[in-house]
Every structure is written in structure tokens, then in C-alpha cells.
Amino acid sequence: MSIVIVDSDAIIALVHQTDSLHDRSVQIFKFLKERNFYTFTPYAILLEAAATLARVLQQPELAQEVLSSYSNPEDKIDTDVSDLVAKLYEPKTSRKNTPFDHYVLALAKKNNIQLVFSFDSFYKKNGLTLMGDKLKTISD
């Protein structure tokens, strides 16, 4: 079974219809469901997406929708990564690369997950495959 870890940018793009990545996110999500990928959304990342929707995008209704839809059991994934996050986090990194990004990266590394549903090149630079790139490879 292929596991895909989901980042907050993909969650936001899926629910926020005016997001520039909405259509692409829907296409990737449909691809994942049709091919029975196991998608893992860490609860902390869901909270990050909800906070961004509520505060930055001023869409508290979408934040509620995201929070209400969460039902992802974490039993297949080892989420004890606090030491690894601290080790991976580089204080001199771009402000764009938050501790949340390093948390997702640590989860992927600890659980040998190679695929991430995100549009952030940070993951690609750290050896993961973005689902958008994977989809391009398959459809070419």
C-alpha cells in the first residue's frame, strides 16, 4: 500500500475554491482515491490548515469544515518524531519553511513515506516526491 502524507497547503487548496491550486488539488485527490492510496493527514497539520483558513484567509466556515471532516486514525504511522523534528529543523532556513514543514518531513522519514500531497518544493529538496510530480509522470 502506498502512503501519502498530506500537508496543509493541499488541504487549504482542496476546500478553498478560489485558491489558485484548487483545481489541481481536486485532480490529485481524485487520483489518490481512485487508486486507493492511503492518505495520512497529521492532526497538527489539519490544525495548521484550519488556523490559516480562519485567520489569514478569513474563512472560519471552511476551518470548521476541515476540523469536522477529520477522521484519520494514526495507527499505521509512528508519530513520535519530536526528537527528529528538532534535529531536522534548521533555524537559518527560509522563513517559509516552518517547524510544521519539518514535522511533516520527520513523519515521512521516520515512516519511510516517499509521497507528499503538497505543492511546497521544500519536500522535493528533501528527497520526497510531490504528488503533482508523480501524477505528471504517470500521465505522460
C-alpha atoms as a PDB file:
ATOM      1  CA  MET A   1       0.000   0.000   0.000  1.00  0.00           C
ATOM      2  CA  SER A   2       1.341   3.418  -0.953  1.00  0.00           C
ATOM      3  CA  ILE A   3       1.089   6.009   1.790  1.00  0.00           C
ATOM      4  CA  VAL A   4       0.830   9.704   1.030  1.00  0.00           C
ATOM      5  CA  ILE A   5       1.292  12.287   3.749  1.00  0.00           C
ATOM      6  CA  VAL A   6      -0.880  15.388   3.316  1.00  0.00           C
ATOM      7  CA  ASP A   7       0.345  18.915   4.037  1.00  0.00           C
ATOM      8  CA  SER A   8      -1.726  21.962   4.943  1.00  0.00           C
ATOM      9  CA  ASP A   9      -1.338  23.698   1.566  1.00  0.00           C
ATOM     10  CA  ALA A  10      -3.134  20.792  -0.121  1.00  0.00           C
ATOM     11  CA  ILE A  11      -5.923  20.811   2.479  1.00  0.00           C
ATOM     12  CA  ILE A  12      -6.435  24.546   2.035  1.00  0.00           C
ATOM     13  CA  ALA A  13      -6.414  24.278  -1.758  1.00  0.00           C
ATOM     14  CA  LEU A  14      -8.971  21.465  -1.657  1.00  0.00           C
ATOM     15  CA  VAL A  15     -11.550  23.378   0.375  1.00  0.00           C
ATOM     16  CA  HIS A  16     -10.859  26.958  -0.710  1.00  0.00           C
ATOM     17  CA  GLN A  17     -12.386  27.125  -4.179  1.00  0.00           C
ATOM     18  CA  THR A  18     -10.719  30.401  -5.149  1.00  0.00           C
ATOM     19  CA  ASP A  19      -7.249  29.101  -4.260  1.00  0.00           C
ATOM     20  CA  SER A  20      -5.014  29.054  -7.339  1.00  0.00           C
ATOM     21  CA  LEU A  21      -4.223  25.379  -6.646  1.00  0.00           C
ATOM     22  CA  HIS A  22      -7.824  24.265  -6.074  1.00  0.00           C
ATOM     23  CA  ASP A  23      -8.390  22.532  -9.423  1.00  0.00           C
ATOM     24  CA  ARG A  24      -5.017  20.786  -9.287  1.00  0.00           C
ATOM     25  CA  SER A  25      -5.678  19.661  -5.707  1.00  0.00           C
ATOM     26  CA  VAL A  26      -9.052  18.219  -6.643  1.00  0.00           C
ATOM     27  CA  GLN A  27      -7.427  16.353  -9.545  1.00  0.00           C
ATOM     28  CA  ILE A  28      -4.725  14.902  -7.267  1.00  0.00           C
ATOM     29  CA  PHE A  29      -7.246  13.997  -4.556  1.00  0.00           C
ATOM     30  CA  LYS A  30      -9.414  12.193  -7.103  1.00  0.00           C
ATOM     31  CA  PHE A  31      -6.341  10.313  -8.390  1.00  0.00           C
ATOM     32  CA  LEU A  32      -5.447   9.215  -4.847  1.00  0.00           C
ATOM     33  CA  LYS A  33      -8.964   7.979  -4.115  1.00  0.00           C
ATOM     34  CA  GLU A  34      -9.355   6.142  -7.429  1.00  0.00           C
ATOM     35  CA  ARG A  35      -6.106   4.256  -6.855  1.00  0.00           C
ATOM     36  CA  ASN A  36      -6.719   3.538  -3.170  1.00  0.00           C
ATOM     37  CA  PHE A  37      -3.697   5.380  -1.798  1.00  0.00           C
ATOM     38  CA  TYR A  38      -3.662   5.605   1.974  1.00  0.00           C
ATOM     39  CA  THR A  39      -3.593   9.311   2.783  1.00  0.00           C
ATOM     40  CA  PHE A  40      -2.299  10.322   6.169  1.00  0.00           C
ATOM     41  CA  THR A  41      -3.115  13.785   7.465  1.00  0.00           C
ATOM     42  CA  PRO A  42      -1.427  14.516  10.783  1.00  0.00           C
ATOM     43  CA  TYR A  43      -3.815  16.263  13.169  1.00  0.00           C
ATOM     44  CA  ALA A  44      -1.303  19.059  13.799  1.00  0.00           C
ATOM     45  CA  ILE A  45      -1.244  19.780  10.061  1.00  0.00           C
ATOM     46  CA  LEU A  46      -5.029  19.838   9.969  1.00  0.00           C
ATOM     47  CA  LEU A  47      -4.924  22.417  12.771  1.00  0.00           C
ATOM     48  CA  GLU A  48      -2.357  24.452  10.818  1.00  0.00           C
ATOM     49  CA  ALA A  49      -4.671  24.451   7.778  1.00  0.00           C
ATOM     50  CA  ALA A  50      -7.708  25.399   9.880  1.00  0.00           C
ATOM     51  CA  ALA A  51      -5.802  28.245  11.551  1.00  0.00           C
ATOM     52  CA  THR A  52      -4.702  29.600   8.177  1.00  0.00           C
ATOM     53  CA  LEU A  53      -8.228  29.363   6.805  1.00  0.00           C
ATOM     54  CA  ALA A  54      -9.736  31.100   9.843  1.00  0.00           C
ATOM     55  CA  ARG A  55      -7.133  33.770  10.489  1.00  0.00           C
ATOM     56  CA  VAL A  56      -5.278  34.514   7.263  1.00  0.00           C
ATOM     57  CA  LEU A  57      -7.940  33.752   4.671  1.00  0.00           C
ATOM     58  CA  GLN A  58     -10.811  34.826   6.949  1.00  0.00           C
ATOM     59  CA  GLN A  59     -12.792  31.688   6.144  1.00  0.00           C
ATOM     60  CA  PRO A  60     -13.835  30.323   9.570  1.00  0.00           C
ATOM     61  CA  GLU A  61     -16.595  28.238   7.972  1.00  0.00           C
ATOM     62  CA  LEU A  62     -14.001  26.394   5.896  1.00  0.00           C
ATOM     63  CA  ALA A  63     -11.866  25.949   9.014  1.00  0.00           C
ATOM     64  CA  GLN A  64     -14.865  24.323  10.720  1.00  0.00           C
ATOM     65  CA  GLU A  65     -15.430  22.102   7.684  1.00  0.00           C
ATOM     66  CA  VAL A  66     -11.822  20.924   7.781  1.00  0.00           C
ATOM     67  CA  LEU A  67     -11.937  20.267  11.533  1.00  0.00           C
ATOM     68  CA  SER A  68     -15.243  18.403  11.260  1.00  0.00           C
ATOM     69  CA  SER A  69     -14.046  16.180   8.445  1.00  0.00           C
ATOM     70  CA  TYR A  70     -11.031  14.787  10.298  1.00  0.00           C
ATOM     71  CA  SER A  71     -11.249  11.062  10.947  1.00  0.00           C
ATOM     72  CA  ASN A  72      -7.780   9.820  10.092  1.00  0.00           C
ATOM     73  CA  PRO A  73      -6.611   7.211  12.591  1.00  0.00           C
ATOM     74  CA  GLU A  74      -2.886   7.458  13.209  1.00  0.00           C
ATOM     75  CA  ASP A  75      -2.442   3.756  13.969  1.00  0.00           C
ATOM     76  CA  LYS A  76      -0.393   2.989  10.825  1.00  0.00           C
ATOM     77  CA  ILE A  77       2.042   5.827  11.352  1.00  0.00           C
ATOM     78  CA  ASP A  78       4.614   6.314  14.097  1.00  0.00           C
ATOM     79  CA  THR A  79       4.018   9.919  15.161  1.00  0.00           C
ATOM     80  CA  ASP A  80       6.693  10.072  17.847  1.00  0.00           C
ATOM     81  CA  VAL A  81       9.017  12.397  15.949  1.00  0.00           C
ATOM     82  CA  SER A  82       9.751  15.281  18.317  1.00  0.00           C
ATOM     83  CA  ASP A  83      13.478  14.483  18.511  1.00  0.00           C
ATOM     84  CA  LEU A  84      13.727  14.130  14.735  1.00  0.00           C
ATOM     85  CA  VAL A  85      11.900  17.426  14.127  1.00  0.00           C
ATOM     86  CA  ALA A  86      14.362  19.204  16.430  1.00  0.00           C
ATOM     87  CA  LYS A  87      17.261  17.562  14.601  1.00  0.00           C
ATOM     88  CA  LEU A  88      15.937  18.412  11.110  1.00  0.00           C
ATOM     89  CA  TYR A  89      14.850  21.973  11.852  1.00  0.00           C
ATOM     90  CA  GLU A  90      17.408  24.485  10.693  1.00  0.00           C
ATOM     91  CA  PRO A  91      16.939  27.937  12.281  1.00  0.00           C
ATOM     92  CA  LYS A  92      18.643  29.598   9.304  1.00  0.00           C
ATOM     93  CA  THR A  93      16.226  28.064   6.810  1.00  0.00           C
ATOM     94  CA  SER A  94      13.820  30.202   4.830  1.00  0.00           C
ATOM     95  CA  ARG A  95      11.031  31.741   6.922  1.00  0.00           C
ATOM     96  CA  LYS A  96       8.765  29.921   4.526  1.00  0.00           C
ATOM     97  CA  ASN A  97       9.924  26.540   5.879  1.00  0.00           C
ATOM     98  CA  THR A  98       8.177  26.343   9.216  1.00  0.00           C
ATOM     99  CA  PRO A  99       8.509  23.813  12.019  1.00  0.00           C
ATOM    100  CA  PHE A 100       5.279  22.318  10.624  1.00  0.00           C
ATOM    101  CA  ASP A 101       7.107  21.533   7.372  1.00  0.00           C
ATOM    102  CA  HIS A 102       9.873  19.877   9.331  1.00  0.00           C
ATOM    103  CA  TYR A 103       7.259  17.909  11.280  1.00  0.00           C
ATOM    104  CA  VAL A 104       5.807  16.525   8.029  1.00  0.00           C
ATOM    105  CA  LEU A 105       9.317  15.763   6.774  1.00  0.00           C
ATOM    106  CA  ALA A 106      10.171  13.967  10.032  1.00  0.00           C
ATOM    107  CA  LEU A 107       6.983  11.876   9.843  1.00  0.00           C
ATOM    108  CA  ALA A 108       7.802  10.936   6.264  1.00  0.00           C
ATOM    109  CA  LYS A 109      11.389   9.995   7.075  1.00  0.00           C
ATOM    110  CA  LYS A 110      10.551   8.001  10.211  1.00  0.00           C
ATOM    111  CA  ASN A 111       7.807   6.058   8.443  1.00  0.00           C
ATOM    112  CA  ASN A 112       9.606   5.661   5.112  1.00  0.00           C
ATOM    113  CA  ILE A 113       6.922   7.639   3.280  1.00  0.00           C
ATOM    114  CA  GLN A 114       8.115   8.901  -0.098  1.00  0.00           C
ATOM    115  CA  LEU A 115       4.996  10.715  -1.345  1.00  0.00           C
ATOM    116  CA  VAL A 116       3.607  14.011  -0.109  1.00  0.00           C
ATOM    117  CA  PHE A 117       0.429  15.778  -1.208  1.00  0.00           C
ATOM    118  CA  SER A 118       1.794  19.295  -1.168  1.00  0.00           C
ATOM    119  CA  PHE A 119       2.982  21.942  -3.572  1.00  0.00           C
ATOM    120  CA  ASP A 120       5.938  23.008  -1.431  1.00  0.00           C
ATOM    121  CA  SER A 121       9.315  22.443  -3.094  1.00  0.00           C
ATOM    122  CA  PHE A 122      10.836  22.095   0.394  1.00  0.00           C
ATOM    123  CA  TYR A 123       9.773  18.443   0.396  1.00  0.00           C
ATOM    124  CA  LYS A 124      11.227  17.784  -3.031  1.00  0.00           C
ATOM    125  CA  LYS A 125      14.523  19.339  -1.935  1.00  0.00           C
ATOM    126  CA  ASN A 126      14.498  16.900   0.983  1.00  0.00           C
ATOM    127  CA  GLY A 127      14.022  13.761  -1.108  1.00  0.00           C
ATOM    128  CA  LEU A 128      10.245  13.334  -1.155  1.00  0.00           C
ATOM    129  CA  THR A 129       8.076  13.138  -4.258  1.00  0.00           C
ATOM    130  CA  LEU A 130       5.282  15.663  -4.658  1.00  0.00           C
ATOM    131  CA  MET A 131       2.028  14.041  -5.784  1.00  0.00           C
ATOM    132  CA  GLY A 132       1.698  16.616  -8.560  1.00  0.00           C
ATOM    133  CA  ASP A 133       5.018  15.423  -9.992  1.00  0.00           C
ATOM    134  CA  LYS A 134       4.013  11.775  -9.565  1.00  0.00           C
ATOM    135  CA  LEU A 135       0.748  12.424 -11.395  1.00  0.00           C
ATOM    136  CA  LYS A 136       2.642  14.070 -14.283  1.00  0.00           C
ATOM    137  CA  THR A 137       4.971  11.080 -14.529  1.00  0.00           C
ATOM    138  CA  ILE A 138       2.091   8.606 -14.621  1.00  0.00           C
ATOM    139  CA  SER A 139       0.033  10.553 -17.155  1.00  0.00           C
ATOM    140  CA  ASP A 140       2.957  11.186 -19.523  1.00  0.00           C
END
